[in-house]
């Protein structure tokens, strides 16, 4: 496995306000097609960590918006609930995704092309 520390250090972060003050979280690149279609009146506020998490599975029901976490196998957010603002699983999955992409970008010395 590649050293993830260098790749993670280069990732952009965003600040999110928590009950104890500001915290940083990695900026994910996995946007949700379900969230992208929502009117702003339904969109979670503040924007949850789940919005750009690789393990998210957003869906609408007759009663509202929900997010299922495929990493933890739980419903992580339901309309009108406080959204998850920081999550270890999200940070780890984003870091792994970046490390995998940097491994893919490295030249293969055994390639014949």
Foldseek 3Di string as FASTA:
>chain_A
DDDLPVLLVPFDWDWDADPVGIDIAGDAPAADPVLVPDDPVQADPPHALLRRAPQWDWDADPVHIWIAGNVVRGTQDTGPDDHHHDDPNRRVRRSVVSVVVVVVPDDDPPDPD
